[in-house]
Every structure is written in structure tokens, then in C-alpha cells.
Protein backbone atom coordinates (compact mmCIF):
# COMPACT_ATOMS: atom_id res chain seq x y z
CA MET A 1 17.36 -19.83 14.92
CA SER A 2 19.62 -18.93 12.34
CA THR A 3 18.23 -16.27 9.80
CA ASP A 4 19.20 -18.73 7.02
CA GLU A 5 16.52 -21.09 8.23
CA GLU A 6 13.88 -18.16 8.80
CA GLY A 7 14.63 -17.29 5.07
CA ASP A 8 12.75 -20.28 4.02
CA ALA A 9 9.98 -19.13 4.95
CA MET A 10 9.80 -15.48 3.42
CA ASP A 11 8.58 -13.54 0.23
CA TRP A 12 11.44 -11.51 -1.47
CA GLY A 13 10.87 -8.32 -0.21
CA MET A 14 11.06 -9.84 3.48
CA LYS A 15 14.32 -11.90 2.70
CA ASN A 16 15.66 -8.47 1.26
CA ARG A 17 15.08 -6.21 4.43
CA MET A 18 16.34 -8.94 6.61
CA ALA A 19 19.32 -9.31 4.39
CA GLN A 20 19.98 -5.57 5.07
CA LEU A 21 19.76 -6.13 8.81
CA PHE A 22 22.33 -9.04 9.12
CA ARG A 23 25.48 -9.46 7.73
CA ASN A 24 26.86 -13.36 7.41
CA GLY A 25 23.83 -13.95 10.14
CA ARG A 26 24.91 -11.18 12.64
CA CYS A 27 23.75 -8.08 13.92
CA LEU A 28 25.33 -4.88 15.66
CA PHE A 29 22.19 -2.37 16.08
CA LEU A 30 22.59 1.05 16.98
CA PRO A 31 19.57 2.34 18.95
CA ILE A 32 18.88 6.26 19.69
CA ASP A 33 15.52 5.76 20.33
CA HIS A 34 15.71 6.64 24.09
CA GLY A 35 14.14 10.13 24.11
CA TYR A 36 10.64 8.65 23.09
CA PHE A 37 9.92 7.75 26.74
CA GLN A 38 12.58 9.51 28.98
CA GLY A 39 13.32 12.81 26.93
CA PRO A 40 16.78 14.34 26.39
CA THR A 41 19.63 11.61 27.17
CA SER A 42 22.81 12.16 28.36
CA CYS A 43 25.19 12.15 25.27
CA LEU A 44 22.20 11.87 22.81
CA GLU A 45 21.41 15.65 22.82
CA ARG A 46 22.41 16.09 19.11
CA PRO A 47 21.82 12.48 17.91
CA GLY A 48 23.15 13.04 14.14
CA GLU A 49 26.65 14.16 15.91
CA THR A 50 26.93 11.17 18.33
CA ILE A 51 25.80 8.52 15.68
CA ALA A 52 28.31 9.91 12.73
CA PRO A 53 31.36 8.19 13.76
CA LEU A 54 29.71 5.24 14.66
CA LEU A 55 27.95 4.19 11.55
CA PRO A 56 30.64 2.38 9.76
CA TRP A 57 30.38 -0.45 12.73
CA CYS A 58 26.68 -0.90 12.84
CA GLU A 59 24.27 -2.66 10.72
CA ALA A 60 21.13 -0.79 11.41
CA LEU A 61 19.86 2.18 13.65
CA PHE A 62 16.69 2.04 15.90
CA VAL A 63 15.35 4.94 15.98
CA THR A 64 12.10 7.03 15.90
CA ARG A 65 10.51 9.10 13.22
CA GLY A 66 11.29 12.47 14.52
CA VAL A 67 14.89 11.85 15.11
CA LEU A 68 15.05 10.02 11.82
CA ARG A 69 13.68 13.17 9.92
CA HIS A 70 15.68 16.05 11.61
CA CYS A 71 18.88 14.23 12.71
CA VAL A 72 19.73 11.38 10.25
CA ASP A 73 21.33 11.96 6.88
CA PRO A 74 19.48 10.35 4.39
CA GLU A 75 22.26 10.01 1.91
CA GLY A 76 24.50 7.34 3.37
CA SER A 77 22.51 6.12 6.13
CA LYS A 78 22.30 2.72 7.74
CA PRO A 79 19.23 0.63 7.18
CA VAL A 80 16.51 1.86 9.77
CA ILE A 81 14.41 0.16 12.23
CA LEU A 82 11.90 2.23 12.97
CA ARG A 83 10.29 2.74 16.61
CA VAL A 84 6.83 2.63 16.36
CA SER A 85 5.31 2.13 19.85
CA GLY A 86 5.14 4.74 22.30
CA GLY A 87 2.58 7.34 24.30
CA THR A 88 4.24 7.14 27.55
CA SER A 89 6.63 8.68 29.48
CA VAL A 90 8.98 8.29 32.54
CA ILE A 91 6.91 10.83 34.62
CA GLY A 92 3.66 8.93 33.75
CA LYS A 93 1.95 6.03 35.69
CA ASP A 94 2.85 3.27 33.67
CA LEU A 95 5.47 2.92 30.80
CA ALA A 96 3.87 -0.02 29.87
CA ASN A 97 0.81 1.39 28.54
CA GLU A 98 2.03 2.11 25.19
CA GLY A 99 0.10 2.15 21.77
CA LEU A 100 1.18 2.10 18.16
CA THR A 101 2.18 5.38 17.13
CA THR A 102 3.03 5.15 13.61
CA SER A 103 0.80 4.34 10.52
CA ILE A 104 1.76 1.58 7.93
CA GLU A 105 1.81 4.70 5.42
CA GLU A 106 4.38 6.55 7.34
CA ILE A 107 6.52 3.44 7.81
CA LEU A 108 6.61 3.09 3.94
CA ARG A 109 7.03 6.90 3.31
CA LEU A 110 10.25 6.59 5.53
CA ASN A 111 11.73 3.49 3.88
CA ALA A 112 12.04 1.84 7.02
CA THR A 113 13.99 -1.65 6.48
CA ALA A 114 11.90 -3.03 9.80
CA VAL A 115 10.03 -1.70 12.49
CA GLY A 116 10.39 -2.15 16.47
CA VAL A 117 7.43 -2.53 19.02
CA SER A 118 7.71 -3.21 22.78
CA ILE A 119 5.84 -5.75 24.76
CA PHE A 120 5.36 -6.09 28.52
CA VAL A 121 4.66 -9.53 29.32
CA GLY A 122 3.67 -9.58 33.12
CA SER A 123 2.82 -6.34 33.14
CA ASP A 124 -1.19 -4.76 33.69
CA TYR A 125 -0.78 -3.88 30.36
CA GLU A 126 0.21 -7.42 28.98
CA LYS A 127 -2.76 -7.96 26.50
CA GLU A 128 -2.78 -4.54 25.29
CA SER A 129 1.16 -4.64 24.15
CA LEU A 130 0.81 -7.96 22.82
CA MET A 131 -2.19 -7.01 20.65
CA ASN A 132 0.22 -3.89 19.24
CA LEU A 133 2.45 -6.50 18.14
CA ALA A 134 0.01 -8.53 16.60
CA ASP A 135 -1.89 -5.53 14.88
CA LEU A 136 1.71 -4.55 13.75
CA VAL A 137 2.64 -7.70 12.08
CA ASN A 138 -0.62 -7.84 10.59
CA ASP A 139 0.09 -4.68 8.70
CA CYS A 140 3.75 -5.34 8.01
CA GLU A 141 3.83 -8.66 6.83
CA ASP A 142 1.30 -7.17 3.92
CA PHE A 143 4.31 -5.38 2.60
CA GLY A 144 7.14 -7.50 3.41
CA ILE A 145 8.42 -5.82 6.10
CA PRO A 146 9.97 -7.40 9.39
CA VAL A 147 9.06 -6.45 13.08
CA MET A 148 11.42 -6.66 15.91
CA ALA A 149 9.58 -7.15 19.39
CA VAL A 150 11.33 -5.61 22.31
CA THR A 151 10.62 -7.51 25.37
CA ALA A 152 10.52 -4.85 27.72
CA VAL A 153 9.32 -6.80 30.86
CA GLY A 154 6.89 -5.85 33.20
CA LYS A 155 7.46 -5.66 37.09
CA GLU A 156 6.55 -9.20 37.83
CA LEU A 157 9.60 -10.20 35.43
CA GLU A 158 12.24 -7.94 36.71
CA GLN A 159 14.48 -10.15 37.89
CA ARG A 160 15.45 -10.97 34.18
CA GLU A 161 15.80 -14.79 34.76
CA ALA A 162 15.89 -17.01 31.70
CA ARG A 163 12.63 -18.58 32.57
CA TYR A 164 10.97 -15.25 32.04
CA LEU A 165 12.94 -14.05 29.09
CA ALA A 166 12.47 -17.43 27.15
CA LEU A 167 8.34 -16.75 27.81
CA SER A 168 8.54 -13.40 26.26
CA THR A 169 10.36 -13.72 23.47
CA ARG A 170 8.45 -17.23 22.61
CA ILE A 171 5.37 -15.39 22.76
CA ALA A 172 6.92 -12.75 20.68
CA ALA A 173 7.96 -15.29 18.14
CA GLU A 174 4.51 -16.75 18.28
CA LEU A 175 2.61 -13.64 17.41
CA GLY A 176 4.73 -12.89 14.31
CA ALA A 177 7.73 -11.08 15.11
CA ARG A 178 10.76 -11.52 12.79
CA VAL A 179 13.16 -10.90 15.13
CA VAL A 180 13.08 -10.48 18.85
CA LYS A 181 15.04 -8.06 21.10
CA THR A 182 15.70 -9.15 24.77
CA TYR A 183 17.80 -8.94 27.72
CA TRP A 184 21.16 -10.84 28.35
CA CYS A 185 21.01 -13.17 31.59
CA ARG A 186 22.58 -16.10 32.75
CA ASN A 187 22.01 -19.49 31.11
CA PHE A 188 20.89 -17.54 28.03
CA ASP A 189 20.77 -20.60 25.84
CA LYS A 190 17.58 -21.28 27.67
CA VAL A 191 16.29 -18.27 26.18
CA THR A 192 17.58 -18.61 22.41
CA GLU A 193 16.68 -22.60 22.11
CA CYS A 194 13.30 -21.89 23.05
CA CYS A 195 12.80 -19.04 20.26
CA PRO A 196 12.19 -19.90 16.37
CA VAL A 197 13.36 -16.71 15.29
CA PRO A 198 16.86 -14.43 15.76
CA VAL A 199 17.62 -13.23 18.96
CA VAL A 200 19.40 -9.75 19.61
CA MET A 201 20.68 -8.71 23.00
CA ALA A 202 19.63 -5.23 24.57
CA GLY A 203 22.13 -3.72 26.52
CA GLY A 204 19.81 -1.93 29.27
CA PRO A 205 21.44 0.75 31.71
CA LYS A 206 25.07 1.65 31.28
CA CYS A 207 27.40 -1.39 32.51
CA ASP A 208 30.08 -0.28 35.07
CA THR A 209 32.79 -1.21 32.80
CA GLU A 210 33.58 -1.76 29.29
CA MET A 211 34.76 -5.12 30.31
CA GLU A 212 31.65 -6.14 31.69
CA VAL A 213 30.00 -5.20 28.51
CA MET A 214 32.21 -7.17 26.20
CA ALA A 215 32.00 -10.35 28.67
CA PHE A 216 27.97 -10.27 28.44
CA VAL A 217 28.16 -9.87 24.49
CA HIS A 218 30.34 -12.90 24.15
CA ASP A 219 28.90 -14.93 26.45
CA GLY A 220 25.30 -14.29 24.66
CA MET A 221 26.71 -15.00 21.70
CA LYS A 222 28.22 -18.33 22.49
CA ARG A 223 24.93 -19.05 23.89
CA GLY A 224 22.80 -18.51 20.56
CA ALA A 225 21.86 -14.42 19.95
CA VAL A 226 22.81 -13.34 16.53
CA GLY A 227 23.72 -9.64 17.66
CA VAL A 228 23.41 -6.82 19.77
CA ASN A 229 21.33 -3.65 19.88
CA LEU A 230 23.29 -1.59 22.28
CA GLY A 231 22.92 2.27 22.81
CA ARG A 232 24.25 3.47 26.04
CA ASN A 233 26.82 1.20 26.67
CA ILE A 234 28.45 2.19 23.01
CA TRP A 235 27.56 6.01 22.64
CA GLN A 236 27.81 6.76 26.65
CA CYS A 237 31.23 5.51 26.83
CA PRO A 238 33.91 7.87 27.14
CA HIS A 239 35.62 6.13 23.87
CA PRO A 240 32.57 5.26 21.87
CA VAL A 241 34.38 4.37 18.64
CA PRO A 242 36.92 1.86 20.23
CA MET A 243 33.79 0.49 22.26
CA ILE A 244 31.73 -0.31 19.26
CA ARG A 245 34.77 -1.72 17.29
CA ALA A 246 35.14 -3.98 19.90
CA LEU A 247 31.68 -5.26 20.21
CA ALA A 248 32.01 -5.51 16.66
CA ALA A 249 35.05 -7.72 16.78
CA ILE A 250 33.35 -10.16 18.91
CA ILE A 251 30.08 -10.24 17.07
CA HIS A 252 31.71 -10.72 13.45
CA GLU A 253 35.03 -11.95 14.05
CA LYS A 254 34.36 -14.30 17.08
CA ALA A 255 36.96 -12.48 19.24
CA SER A 256 37.34 -13.35 22.84
CA VAL A 257 36.86 -11.08 25.57
CA LYS A 258 40.73 -10.43 25.87
CA GLN A 259 41.15 -9.99 22.36
CA ALA A 260 38.15 -7.22 22.14
CA HIS A 261 39.58 -5.71 25.03
CA ASP A 262 42.91 -5.40 23.52
CA LEU A 263 41.13 -4.07 20.61
CA PHE A 264 39.48 -1.45 22.66
CA GLN A 265 42.78 -0.08 24.23
CA ALA A 266 44.65 -0.28 21.25
CA ALA A 267 41.86 2.15 19.47
CA LYS A 268 41.81 4.10 22.33
CA ALA A 269 45.67 4.92 21.97
CA ASP A 270 45.39 5.40 18.33
CA ALA A 271 42.74 8.09 18.71
CA ALA A 272 44.64 9.84 21.35
CA LYS A 273 47.75 9.86 18.91
CA GLY A 274 45.43 11.29 16.24
CA ARG A 275 43.91 14.17 18.57
CA LYS A 276 47.71 15.00 19.55
CA ARG A 277 48.83 15.33 16.11
CA ARG A 278 45.75 17.53 15.22
CA ALA A 279 46.60 20.06 18.06
CA GLY A 280 49.87 20.02 16.78
CA GLY A 281 51.62 18.49 19.63
């Protein structure tokens, strides 16, 4: 579903916040919330330094309140999607056993444009995570704040097949999510066609090559996604700025995979020349 169609059922405040998240109906969200369950993360040890050169190319940051307060400059920042679920870690028994971590008062205090919450369809904590989403929607709708559901699939759905992801995204939309973040898969149109709200693609673990990332983003955009929520495949890339520029070209300029990769290579070369000049070479 397009963001324009979705807008017909919104109040002004909700429309305004959704408009901040999208440019011409498309988006590139930059997540830096990984530490909320896995602690120190490679290339994200100093989040403020990591994101500074990437901000011009994204529409919004996906971030926890702690990193937002201490690492993100409030002057000139991008719209914020606030991560508001958590309570588990990579060394605990089950990552799916999350709760809501942030009150609506705190969400308003931090001037969040939107909030994000994980759901674990197919896990032992399916009901609890879905009720987290429903409770959050109840609170946020009162204040015109969009909720993004993050379909962190349970162990029964690890295959990431279209039928399972379609199930998760549709349930999220039915419970009131205004945006759904889910994984790309083959036949991704079977996921987007069944979801009545905008769908953005997650990145998951870092891909082996830049071309692999560009290929799945391009395919997903052709098949109905409105954008991406990519972190590790951007800021863990050896050339993060050329990478985010290439992905932005696919999303906003409908560039082909080859055109995006050519842009990536050209931006890499320009950056290398700039470093050489600064070094006095």
C-alpha cells in the first residue's frame, strides 16, 4: 500500500509525522539500535561518529533512547524512530521475550517522529510480543505517533519464506502498525501485496558483497517495498558513504543494480582522491 493511500485515514499530526519519514513515498531508514540486545557492535562503538557522514542520505534514524540522548546531536538531526521494545540479550534464554521499555511520556519528551517495536510471530512469546504492539498502538494513536512493527521472526519461521513473512506483516498491520519492517525474500510481492500499510525491508546480517545488497534492495523495491531499514550492510561496509549513496539511488532514483554499483565505484574513487589530497599526495 502506498503512503498516499494510507494518508486518507490519518489525522493531521499523524500525516505530518509520516511525511517526515518518507520522501516522495520512499524511504531509507538508518538503524543504529543493535546494542539494545547485542551490546557493543562492530563499527557502532561510537554511534555519533558512525552516522555523521551518512545522515545526508537517510530519511530517519532508528535508535534507542540512550544512544539518542548521548550520541545524536539534536541540532540538525534526522527524524527519529525510537526503539521502544527490549529487555532481552544475546546471552539470555530467548530474545523473543521482549517487553515495552519506554513510556508514551518519554516518547513525547524525546520528540520521536515514530516508534518501533519487535514482534515474534511463531515464537513461544508470540502473544506477548503482539500484545506489546497492540498496547503501543493504543497509546501512540492518541498522540498521532506512527508505530513501526519489526517482524523479528520466531524460530518456526527462520526460513524467511514469503508465506511466513506475509503472515507476520499482515498481522502487524491488522493490529494497527502504520509501517512494517520485514525481511526480503524471494517472491517478495507476495508479502507486500497482502499488507495494507507501507513495507520497508530489513537488512539482517551483513551480506558478502555490496552487489548482493544492491540486488535484493532493487528486487524488493520492484516488488512493492517503499524503502529499507539497513544498518550493518551500510555502516559495516568498508565504504559506507558510497554504499548509502548507491542504495539511495536505487530507492529514490530507481537506479538499476549496475547503475548503483557504478555510482558506488565512482564515489569510492572520489573519496580516495580526497584522502590523497588531504594527505598532501
